[in-house]
Amino acid sequence: MKTVCIAGAMSGVGKTTLAEKLLSRFHNWAAIKVTACVGGTRHRCPRGKSTECGVCSSLKENYVIETRSEIIEEAGTDTARFKSAGAKRVLWIKARPRYIARAIHEALEVLNRYDGVVFEGNHVLKHFDPDLAVMIRSKDNSFKRSARDILEKVDMFVDYQCNGESVEKIFDAISVEDLF
């Protein structure tokens, strides 16, 4: 199984859009959205919401691998966009940071019949080495902390709000026979 991780220098740079473009061209691929639920008094929403969105505060276990179609296919969500783009199966990992590696391992076991997996989330690269790690630059070339922490694991940088050229660049970075 091949793995591609899409990370972002900042929120809103186009991670989901790039994942959609890749998933629309891959056959028999799955996708995993990873949300690190940090918590604590200085907690800022990992989903970029100005107020607490409820995902982290609702996490009662160390991690959850969400599979329910009513959650995965909820209109307007990243996971629904992955599914619409062509992912054969979509999972959403919500995890406390130190449990992300365990959750990824478990999720990959669930997805072992697929040819590959596209991950979305910076925290993936702290705990997993994909075949290709792509980071989308921000418009002003700034980096949030979770992006700075993983820079050494990034194989390729693409421009803000990726265009078709960025997708081709990713396909060129790894051999086509490895992807399909």
N, C-alpha and C. Protein backbone atom coordinates (compact mmCIF):
# COMPACT_ATOMS: atom_id res chain seq x y z
N MET A 1 0.84 -1.18 0.00
CA MET A 1 0.00 0.00 0.00
C MET A 1 0.89 1.24 0.00
N LYS A 2 0.57 2.16 -0.90
CA LYS A 2 1.30 3.42 -0.99
C LYS A 2 0.64 4.46 -0.09
N THR A 3 1.43 5.38 0.42
CA THR A 3 0.91 6.42 1.29
C THR A 3 1.45 7.79 0.89
N VAL A 4 0.55 8.76 0.88
CA VAL A 4 0.88 10.15 0.59
C VAL A 4 0.29 10.99 1.72
N CYS A 5 1.08 11.88 2.28
CA CYS A 5 0.58 12.76 3.33
C CYS A 5 0.62 14.19 2.83
N ILE A 6 -0.50 14.89 3.02
CA ILE A 6 -0.59 16.29 2.65
C ILE A 6 -0.64 17.12 3.93
N ALA A 7 0.35 17.96 4.08
CA ALA A 7 0.44 18.85 5.24
C ALA A 7 0.36 20.29 4.73
N GLY A 8 0.19 21.21 5.67
CA GLY A 8 0.06 22.61 5.27
C GLY A 8 0.84 23.53 6.18
N ALA A 9 1.43 24.56 5.58
CA ALA A 9 2.18 25.54 6.35
C ALA A 9 1.26 26.30 7.31
N MET A 10 0.04 26.52 6.89
CA MET A 10 -0.97 27.22 7.69
C MET A 10 -2.32 26.58 7.40
N SER A 11 -3.32 26.92 8.20
CA SER A 11 -4.69 26.48 7.92
C SER A 11 -5.18 27.22 6.69
N GLY A 12 -6.01 26.55 5.92
CA GLY A 12 -6.62 27.19 4.76
C GLY A 12 -5.77 27.31 3.52
N VAL A 13 -4.67 26.55 3.45
CA VAL A 13 -3.79 26.65 2.28
C VAL A 13 -4.20 25.76 1.12
N GLY A 14 -5.14 24.85 1.35
CA GLY A 14 -5.62 24.00 0.27
C GLY A 14 -5.30 22.53 0.41
N LYS A 15 -5.09 22.05 1.64
CA LYS A 15 -4.79 20.62 1.84
C LYS A 15 -5.92 19.73 1.32
N THR A 16 -7.14 20.07 1.67
CA THR A 16 -8.28 19.25 1.25
C THR A 16 -8.45 19.30 -0.26
N THR A 17 -8.26 20.46 -0.84
CA THR A 17 -8.38 20.61 -2.30
C THR A 17 -7.35 19.75 -3.01
N LEU A 18 -6.12 19.77 -2.53
CA LEU A 18 -5.08 18.93 -3.14
C LEU A 18 -5.43 17.45 -2.97
N ALA A 19 -5.88 17.06 -1.80
CA ALA A 19 -6.28 15.66 -1.58
C ALA A 19 -7.38 15.26 -2.55
N GLU A 20 -8.35 16.14 -2.77
CA GLU A 20 -9.42 15.85 -3.72
C GLU A 20 -8.86 15.63 -5.13
N LYS A 21 -7.94 16.48 -5.53
CA LYS A 21 -7.37 16.35 -6.88
C LYS A 21 -6.62 15.04 -7.04
N LEU A 22 -5.90 14.64 -6.02
CA LEU A 22 -5.18 13.37 -6.08
C LEU A 22 -6.16 12.19 -6.08
N LEU A 23 -7.11 12.22 -5.17
CA LEU A 23 -8.06 11.11 -5.05
C LEU A 23 -8.89 10.93 -6.32
N SER A 24 -9.14 12.01 -7.03
CA SER A 24 -9.92 11.90 -8.27
C SER A 24 -9.15 11.16 -9.36
N ARG A 25 -7.83 11.08 -9.22
CA ARG A 25 -7.01 10.40 -10.22
C ARG A 25 -6.55 9.02 -9.80
N PHE A 26 -6.59 8.73 -8.51
CA PHE A 26 -6.20 7.42 -8.01
C PHE A 26 -7.39 6.46 -8.08
N HIS A 27 -7.09 5.20 -8.27
CA HIS A 27 -8.12 4.16 -8.28
C HIS A 27 -7.88 3.26 -7.07
N ASN A 28 -8.94 2.87 -6.42
CA ASN A 28 -8.87 1.99 -5.27
C ASN A 28 -7.99 2.56 -4.14
N TRP A 29 -8.15 3.85 -3.88
CA TRP A 29 -7.43 4.52 -2.79
C TRP A 29 -8.41 4.94 -1.71
N ALA A 30 -7.89 5.06 -0.51
CA ALA A 30 -8.66 5.52 0.64
C ALA A 30 -8.06 6.84 1.13
N ALA A 31 -8.74 7.46 2.08
CA ALA A 31 -8.25 8.71 2.65
C ALA A 31 -8.46 8.71 4.16
N ILE A 32 -7.55 9.38 4.86
CA ILE A 32 -7.65 9.52 6.30
C ILE A 32 -7.41 10.98 6.68
N LYS A 33 -8.37 11.57 7.35
CA LYS A 33 -8.22 12.90 7.94
C LYS A 33 -7.75 12.69 9.36
N VAL A 34 -6.69 13.41 9.75
CA VAL A 34 -6.16 13.27 11.11
C VAL A 34 -6.29 14.60 11.83
N THR A 35 -7.00 14.56 12.95
CA THR A 35 -7.17 15.74 13.80
C THR A 35 -6.51 15.46 15.14
N ALA A 36 -5.50 16.25 15.47
CA ALA A 36 -4.83 16.14 16.77
C ALA A 36 -5.62 16.97 17.77
N CYS A 37 -6.08 16.31 18.80
CA CYS A 37 -6.87 16.99 19.85
C CYS A 37 -5.94 17.29 21.02
N VAL A 38 -5.48 18.51 21.07
CA VAL A 38 -4.46 18.90 22.03
C VAL A 38 -5.05 19.19 23.40
N GLY A 39 -6.04 20.04 23.47
CA GLY A 39 -6.67 20.38 24.74
C GLY A 39 -5.80 21.27 25.60
N GLY A 40 -6.20 21.45 26.84
CA GLY A 40 -5.46 22.29 27.77
C GLY A 40 -5.97 23.72 27.77
N THR A 41 -5.46 24.51 28.68
CA THR A 41 -5.95 25.87 28.85
C THR A 41 -5.56 26.79 27.71
N ARG A 42 -4.47 26.51 27.03
CA ARG A 42 -4.03 27.35 25.92
C ARG A 42 -4.42 26.75 24.58
N HIS A 43 -5.34 25.84 24.61
CA HIS A 43 -5.77 25.12 23.42
C HIS A 43 -6.38 26.05 22.36
N ARG A 44 -5.95 25.85 21.13
CA ARG A 44 -6.57 26.52 19.97
C ARG A 44 -7.10 25.44 19.06
N CYS A 45 -8.25 25.67 18.51
CA CYS A 45 -8.91 24.65 17.70
C CYS A 45 -8.03 24.22 16.53
N PRO A 46 -7.75 22.91 16.39
CA PRO A 46 -6.92 22.43 15.28
C PRO A 46 -7.61 22.53 13.93
N ARG A 47 -8.91 22.76 13.94
CA ARG A 47 -9.66 22.87 12.69
C ARG A 47 -9.76 24.33 12.25
N GLY A 48 -9.05 25.23 12.94
CA GLY A 48 -9.02 26.63 12.51
C GLY A 48 -10.26 27.42 12.87
N LYS A 49 -11.06 26.90 13.78
CA LYS A 49 -12.27 27.62 14.17
C LYS A 49 -11.90 28.69 15.20
N SER A 50 -12.58 29.81 15.14
CA SER A 50 -12.27 30.88 16.09
C SER A 50 -12.71 30.52 17.50
N THR A 51 -13.67 29.64 17.63
CA THR A 51 -14.08 29.15 18.94
C THR A 51 -13.99 27.63 18.91
N GLU A 52 -14.07 27.03 20.05
CA GLU A 52 -14.01 25.57 20.17
C GLU A 52 -15.09 24.93 19.30
N CYS A 53 -14.72 24.03 18.42
CA CYS A 53 -15.69 23.40 17.52
C CYS A 53 -16.35 22.19 18.14
N GLY A 54 -15.80 21.68 19.24
CA GLY A 54 -16.40 20.55 19.93
C GLY A 54 -15.75 19.22 19.66
N VAL A 55 -14.92 19.12 18.62
CA VAL A 55 -14.30 17.84 18.30
C VAL A 55 -13.36 17.40 19.43
N CYS A 56 -12.48 18.27 19.85
CA CYS A 56 -11.52 17.90 20.89
C CYS A 56 -12.18 17.70 22.25
N SER A 57 -13.09 18.59 22.61
CA SER A 57 -13.73 18.48 23.92
C SER A 57 -14.64 17.26 24.01
N SER A 58 -15.09 16.75 22.87
CA SER A 58 -15.95 15.57 22.90
C SER A 58 -15.17 14.26 22.92
N LEU A 59 -13.86 14.31 22.73
CA LEU A 59 -13.03 13.10 22.71
C LEU A 59 -12.87 12.58 24.13
N LYS A 60 -13.46 11.46 24.42
CA LYS A 60 -13.39 10.86 25.77
C LYS A 60 -12.31 9.79 25.86
N GLU A 61 -11.98 9.17 24.74
CA GLU A 61 -10.94 8.15 24.69
C GLU A 61 -9.62 8.81 24.28
N ASN A 62 -8.58 8.01 24.18
CA ASN A 62 -7.29 8.55 23.71
C ASN A 62 -7.32 8.80 22.21
N TYR A 63 -8.10 8.00 21.49
CA TYR A 63 -8.30 8.24 20.06
C TYR A 63 -9.57 7.54 19.60
N VAL A 64 -10.10 8.06 18.50
CA VAL A 64 -11.26 7.48 17.86
C VAL A 64 -10.99 7.44 16.37
N ILE A 65 -11.30 6.32 15.75
CA ILE A 65 -11.25 6.22 14.30
C ILE A 65 -12.69 6.21 13.82
N GLU A 66 -13.11 7.34 13.31
CA GLU A 66 -14.51 7.52 12.90
C GLU A 66 -14.74 6.85 11.56
N THR A 67 -15.76 6.00 11.51
CA THR A 67 -16.10 5.28 10.28
C THR A 67 -17.56 5.48 9.88
N ARG A 68 -18.37 6.03 10.78
CA ARG A 68 -19.81 6.13 10.51
C ARG A 68 -20.08 7.04 9.31
N SER A 69 -20.84 6.52 8.37
CA SER A 69 -21.09 7.27 7.13
C SER A 69 -21.80 8.59 7.39
N GLU A 70 -22.67 8.66 8.39
CA GLU A 70 -23.36 9.92 8.67
C GLU A 70 -22.40 11.01 9.14
N ILE A 71 -21.28 10.63 9.72
CA ILE A 71 -20.25 11.59 10.12
C ILE A 71 -19.30 11.86 8.95
N ILE A 72 -18.81 10.79 8.34
CA ILE A 72 -17.85 10.91 7.24
C ILE A 72 -18.45 11.69 6.07
N GLU A 73 -19.71 11.48 5.78
CA GLU A 73 -20.33 12.09 4.60
C GLU A 73 -21.15 13.34 4.94
N GLU A 74 -20.92 13.91 6.12
CA GLU A 74 -21.64 15.13 6.50
C GLU A 74 -21.25 16.27 5.56
N ALA A 75 -22.24 16.89 4.98
CA ALA A 75 -22.01 17.95 3.98
C ALA A 75 -21.06 19.03 4.51
N GLY A 76 -20.16 19.44 3.64
CA GLY A 76 -19.24 20.52 3.97
C GLY A 76 -17.99 20.12 4.73
N THR A 77 -17.85 18.85 5.04
CA THR A 77 -16.67 18.41 5.79
C THR A 77 -15.57 17.94 4.84
N ASP A 78 -14.33 17.95 5.35
CA ASP A 78 -13.20 17.45 4.56
C ASP A 78 -13.42 15.99 4.18
N THR A 79 -13.91 15.20 5.12
CA THR A 79 -14.10 13.78 4.84
C THR A 79 -15.13 13.55 3.74
N ALA A 80 -16.19 14.36 3.73
CA ALA A 80 -17.19 14.24 2.65
C ALA A 80 -16.57 14.63 1.32
N ARG A 81 -15.72 15.61 1.33
CA ARG A 81 -15.04 16.01 0.10
C ARG A 81 -14.13 14.90 -0.42
N PHE A 82 -13.44 14.20 0.47
CA PHE A 82 -12.60 13.07 0.06
C PHE A 82 -13.45 12.00 -0.61
N LYS A 83 -14.56 11.69 0.01
CA LYS A 83 -15.46 10.65 -0.51
C LYS A 83 -15.99 11.05 -1.89
N SER A 84 -16.43 12.29 -2.02
CA SER A 84 -16.95 12.78 -3.30
C SER A 84 -15.89 12.80 -4.39
N ALA A 85 -14.64 12.99 -3.99
CA ALA A 85 -13.55 13.05 -4.96
C ALA A 85 -13.18 11.68 -5.50
N GLY A 86 -13.61 10.62 -4.82
CA GLY A 86 -13.32 9.29 -5.33
C GLY A 86 -12.68 8.33 -4.36
N ALA A 87 -12.42 8.75 -3.12
CA ALA A 87 -11.87 7.82 -2.14
C ALA A 87 -12.83 6.67 -1.94
N LYS A 88 -12.34 5.46 -2.01
CA LYS A 88 -13.19 4.28 -1.85
C LYS A 88 -13.63 4.10 -0.40
N ARG A 89 -12.81 4.58 0.52
CA ARG A 89 -13.14 4.53 1.95
C ARG A 89 -12.47 5.72 2.61
N VAL A 90 -13.15 6.31 3.58
CA VAL A 90 -12.62 7.47 4.30
C VAL A 90 -12.76 7.22 5.79
N LEU A 91 -11.68 7.50 6.52
CA LEU A 91 -11.67 7.43 7.97
C LEU A 91 -11.27 8.80 8.52
N TRP A 92 -11.71 9.08 9.74
CA TRP A 92 -11.32 10.32 10.42
C TRP A 92 -10.75 9.94 11.77
N ILE A 93 -9.46 10.18 11.94
CA ILE A 93 -8.80 9.94 13.22
C ILE A 93 -8.86 11.21 14.04
N LYS A 94 -9.40 11.09 15.25
CA LYS A 94 -9.39 12.16 16.24
C LYS A 94 -8.60 11.60 17.41
N ALA A 95 -7.46 12.23 17.74
CA ALA A 95 -6.59 11.61 18.73
C ALA A 95 -5.81 12.63 19.55
N ARG A 96 -5.53 12.24 20.77
CA ARG A 96 -4.58 13.00 21.57
C ARG A 96 -3.23 12.75 20.91
N PRO A 97 -2.36 13.76 20.88
CA PRO A 97 -1.12 13.64 20.10
C PRO A 97 -0.29 12.38 20.33
N ARG A 98 -0.15 11.94 21.56
CA ARG A 98 0.71 10.78 21.79
C ARG A 98 0.09 9.46 21.34
N TYR A 99 -1.18 9.48 20.92
CA TYR A 99 -1.85 8.28 20.45
C TYR A 99 -2.06 8.26 18.94
N ILE A 100 -1.55 9.26 18.26
CA ILE A 100 -1.74 9.34 16.81
C ILE A 100 -1.08 8.16 16.10
N ALA A 101 0.13 7.80 16.49
CA ALA A 101 0.83 6.68 15.84
C ALA A 101 0.02 5.39 15.95
N ARG A 102 -0.50 5.12 17.13
CA ARG A 102 -1.30 3.91 17.34
C ARG A 102 -2.56 3.95 16.48
N ALA A 103 -3.20 5.10 16.42
CA ALA A 103 -4.43 5.24 15.63
C ALA A 103 -4.13 5.06 14.14
N ILE A 104 -3.03 5.63 13.65
CA ILE A 104 -2.65 5.48 12.25
C ILE A 104 -2.42 4.00 11.92
N HIS A 105 -1.67 3.32 12.77
CA HIS A 105 -1.39 1.90 12.55
C HIS A 105 -2.69 1.10 12.47
N GLU A 106 -3.59 1.35 13.40
CA GLU A 106 -4.88 0.64 13.41
C GLU A 106 -5.71 0.97 12.16
N ALA A 107 -5.72 2.23 11.77
CA ALA A 107 -6.48 2.65 10.59
C ALA A 107 -5.92 2.00 9.33
N LEU A 108 -4.60 1.92 9.21
CA LEU A 108 -4.00 1.29 8.03
C LEU A 108 -4.34 -0.19 7.95
N GLU A 109 -4.47 -0.85 9.08
CA GLU A 109 -4.89 -2.26 9.08
C GLU A 109 -6.30 -2.39 8.51
N VAL A 110 -7.17 -1.45 8.85
CA VAL A 110 -8.54 -1.46 8.34
C VAL A 110 -8.56 -1.26 6.82
N LEU A 111 -7.59 -0.48 6.32
CA LEU A 111 -7.56 -0.10 4.91
C LEU A 111 -6.60 -0.95 4.08
N ASN A 112 -6.18 -2.09 4.57
CA ASN A 112 -5.13 -2.86 3.90
C ASN A 112 -5.51 -3.42 2.54
N ARG A 113 -6.78 -3.39 2.16
CA ARG A 113 -7.18 -3.91 0.84
C ARG A 113 -7.14 -2.85 -0.25
N TYR A 114 -6.78 -1.64 0.11
CA TYR A 114 -6.73 -0.55 -0.87
C TYR A 114 -5.30 -0.38 -1.38
N ASP A 115 -5.17 0.18 -2.57
CA ASP A 115 -3.85 0.35 -3.17
C ASP A 115 -3.03 1.43 -2.50
N GLY A 116 -3.72 2.40 -1.89
CA GLY A 116 -3.01 3.48 -1.24
C GLY A 116 -3.92 4.31 -0.37
N VAL A 117 -3.29 5.20 0.38
CA VAL A 117 -4.01 6.07 1.30
C VAL A 117 -3.43 7.48 1.19
N VAL A 118 -4.33 8.46 1.09
CA VAL A 118 -3.95 9.86 1.19
C VAL A 118 -4.31 10.31 2.60
N PHE A 119 -3.32 10.79 3.32
CA PHE A 119 -3.52 11.36 4.65
C PHE A 119 -3.61 12.86 4.52
N GLU A 120 -4.43 13.49 5.35
CA GLU A 120 -4.40 14.93 5.48
C GLU A 120 -4.18 15.27 6.94
N GLY A 121 -3.11 16.02 7.21
CA GLY A 121 -2.84 16.46 8.57
C GLY A 121 -1.36 16.53 8.86
N ASN A 122 -0.95 17.64 9.45
CA ASN A 122 0.46 17.82 9.79
C ASN A 122 0.95 16.82 10.82
N HIS A 123 0.12 16.49 11.79
CA HIS A 123 0.57 15.62 12.87
C HIS A 123 0.88 14.20 12.40
N VAL A 124 0.41 13.82 11.24
CA VAL A 124 0.73 12.50 10.68
C VAL A 124 2.24 12.35 10.59
N LEU A 125 2.92 13.40 10.10
CA LEU A 125 4.35 13.31 9.86
C LEU A 125 5.19 13.25 11.13
N LYS A 126 4.63 13.57 12.26
CA LYS A 126 5.35 13.42 13.52
C LYS A 126 5.43 11.95 13.93
N HIS A 127 4.53 11.13 13.38
CA HIS A 127 4.39 9.75 13.86
C HIS A 127 4.44 8.69 12.77
N PHE A 128 4.60 9.11 11.52
CA PHE A 128 4.51 8.16 10.41
C PHE A 128 5.35 8.68 9.25
N ASP A 129 5.99 7.76 8.54
CA ASP A 129 6.79 8.11 7.36
C ASP A 129 6.08 7.60 6.11
N PRO A 130 5.35 8.48 5.42
CA PRO A 130 4.66 8.07 4.20
C PRO A 130 5.65 7.92 3.05
N ASP A 131 5.18 7.35 1.96
CA ASP A 131 6.02 7.26 0.77
C ASP A 131 6.34 8.65 0.21
N LEU A 132 5.39 9.57 0.35
CA LEU A 132 5.59 10.94 -0.11
C LEU A 132 4.91 11.90 0.86
N ALA A 133 5.67 12.88 1.34
CA ALA A 133 5.12 13.92 2.22
C ALA A 133 5.17 15.25 1.48
N VAL A 134 4.00 15.86 1.31
CA VAL A 134 3.87 17.11 0.57
C VAL A 134 3.40 18.19 1.53
N MET A 135 4.04 19.35 1.48
CA MET A 135 3.56 20.48 2.26
C MET A 135 3.19 21.62 1.33
N ILE A 136 2.02 22.18 1.59
CA ILE A 136 1.56 23.34 0.83
C ILE A 136 2.02 24.59 1.54
N ARG A 137 2.71 25.44 0.80
CA ARG A 137 3.19 26.71 1.36
C ARG A 137 2.01 27.65 1.61
N SER A 138 2.21 28.58 2.53
CA SER A 138 1.20 29.62 2.76
C SER A 138 1.44 30.77 1.78
N LYS A 139 0.44 31.58 1.64
CA LYS A 139 0.50 32.72 0.72
C LYS A 139 1.67 33.65 1.06
N ASP A 140 1.88 33.88 2.36
CA ASP A 140 2.94 34.79 2.79
C ASP A 140 4.21 34.06 3.25
N ASN A 141 4.27 32.76 3.00
CA ASN A 141 5.43 31.93 3.34
C ASN A 141 5.67 31.80 4.84
N SER A 142 4.62 31.95 5.65
CA SER A 142 4.75 31.74 7.09
C SER A 142 4.37 30.30 7.42
N PHE A 143 4.77 29.85 8.62
CA PHE A 143 4.53 28.48 9.05
C PHE A 143 3.96 28.46 10.46
N LYS A 144 2.88 27.70 10.65
CA LYS A 144 2.39 27.49 12.01
C LYS A 144 3.32 26.48 12.69
N ARG A 145 3.20 26.39 14.00
CA ARG A 145 4.13 25.56 14.77
C ARG A 145 4.14 24.11 14.31
N SER A 146 2.95 23.52 14.10
CA SER A 146 2.92 22.11 13.70
C SER A 146 3.60 21.90 12.35
N ALA A 147 3.62 22.92 11.51
CA ALA A 147 4.31 22.83 10.22
C ALA A 147 5.83 22.95 10.41
N ARG A 148 6.25 23.86 11.24
CA ARG A 148 7.69 24.02 11.51
C ARG A 148 8.28 22.74 12.11
N ASP A 149 7.49 22.07 12.94
CA ASP A 149 7.96 20.86 13.62
C ASP A 149 8.21 19.69 12.68
N ILE A 150 7.68 19.72 11.47
CA ILE A 150 7.79 18.57 10.56
C ILE A 150 8.55 18.88 9.27
N LEU A 151 9.12 20.05 9.16
CA LEU A 151 9.77 20.46 7.91
C LEU A 151 10.80 19.46 7.41
N GLU A 152 11.54 18.83 8.31
CA GLU A 152 12.59 17.90 7.89
C GLU A 152 12.03 16.62 7.29
N LYS A 153 10.74 16.37 7.47
CA LYS A 153 10.12 15.15 6.92
C LYS A 153 9.42 15.39 5.59
N VAL A 154 9.38 16.63 5.15
CA VAL A 154 8.67 16.97 3.91
C VAL A 154 9.55 16.65 2.71
N ASP A 155 8.98 15.93 1.74
CA ASP A 155 9.69 15.59 0.51
C ASP A 155 9.53 16.65 -0.57
N MET A 156 8.39 17.34 -0.54
CA MET A 156 8.07 18.26 -1.62
C MET A 156 7.21 19.41 -1.09
N PHE A 157 7.51 20.61 -1.56
CA PHE A 157 6.69 21.77 -1.25
C PHE A 157 5.95 22.19 -2.52
N VAL A 158 4.69 22.56 -2.37
CA VAL A 158 3.92 23.09 -3.48
C VAL A 158 3.32 24.42 -3.06
N ASP A 159 2.92 25.21 -4.05
CA ASP A 159 2.44 26.55 -3.77
C ASP A 159 1.04 26.57 -3.19
N TYR A 160 0.77 27.64 -2.49
CA TYR A 160 -0.53 27.94 -1.89
C TYR A 160 -1.65 27.71 -2.90
N GLN A 161 -2.76 27.12 -2.43
CA GLN A 161 -3.93 26.85 -3.26
C GLN A 161 -3.52 26.14 -4.56
N CYS A 162 -3.00 24.96 -4.40
CA CYS A 162 -2.44 24.15 -5.48
C CYS A 162 -3.26 24.16 -6.75
N ASN A 163 -2.55 24.24 -7.86
CA ASN A 163 -3.20 24.16 -9.17
C ASN A 163 -2.86 22.82 -9.80
N GLY A 164 -3.28 22.63 -11.04
CA GLY A 164 -3.03 21.38 -11.74
C GLY A 164 -1.55 21.07 -11.88
N GLU A 165 -0.74 22.11 -12.00
CA GLU A 165 0.71 21.93 -12.11
C GLU A 165 1.26 21.27 -10.84
N SER A 166 0.73 21.64 -9.69
CA SER A 166 1.16 21.04 -8.43
C SER A 166 0.84 19.56 -8.39
N VAL A 167 -0.34 19.19 -8.88
CA VAL A 167 -0.74 17.79 -8.91
C VAL A 167 0.22 17.01 -9.82
N GLU A 168 0.52 17.56 -10.97
CA GLU A 168 1.45 16.89 -11.89
C GLU A 168 2.83 16.75 -11.25
N LYS A 169 3.24 17.75 -10.51
CA LYS A 169 4.53 17.72 -9.82
C LYS A 169 4.57 16.55 -8.82
N ILE A 170 3.47 16.33 -8.15
CA ILE A 170 3.38 15.22 -7.19
C ILE A 170 3.44 13.88 -7.93
N PHE A 171 2.71 13.77 -9.03
CA PHE A 171 2.75 12.54 -9.82
C PHE A 171 4.15 12.28 -10.37
N ASP A 172 4.84 13.32 -10.75
CA ASP A 172 6.20 13.17 -11.26
C ASP A 172 7.19 12.76 -10.17
N ALA A 173 6.88 13.11 -8.93
CA ALA A 173 7.80 12.85 -7.82
C ALA A 173 7.92 11.36 -7.50
N ILE A 174 6.89 10.62 -7.79
CA ILE A 174 6.92 9.18 -7.57
C ILE A 174 6.47 8.50 -8.85
N SER A 175 6.99 7.35 -9.10
CA SER A 175 6.69 6.70 -10.37
C SER A 175 5.23 6.31 -10.45
N VAL A 176 4.66 6.42 -11.65
CA VAL A 176 3.26 6.12 -11.86
C VAL A 176 2.94 4.70 -11.49
N GLU A 177 3.81 3.76 -11.80
CA GLU A 177 3.52 2.36 -11.48
C GLU A 177 3.45 2.14 -9.97
N ASP A 178 4.11 3.00 -9.18
CA ASP A 178 4.01 2.89 -7.73
C ASP A 178 2.66 3.37 -7.21
N LEU A 179 1.97 4.21 -7.97
CA LEU A 179 0.72 4.78 -7.51
C LEU A 179 -0.50 3.94 -7.85
N PHE A 180 -0.43 3.17 -8.92
CA PHE A 180 -1.63 2.48 -9.39
C PHE A 180 -1.47 0.98 -9.32
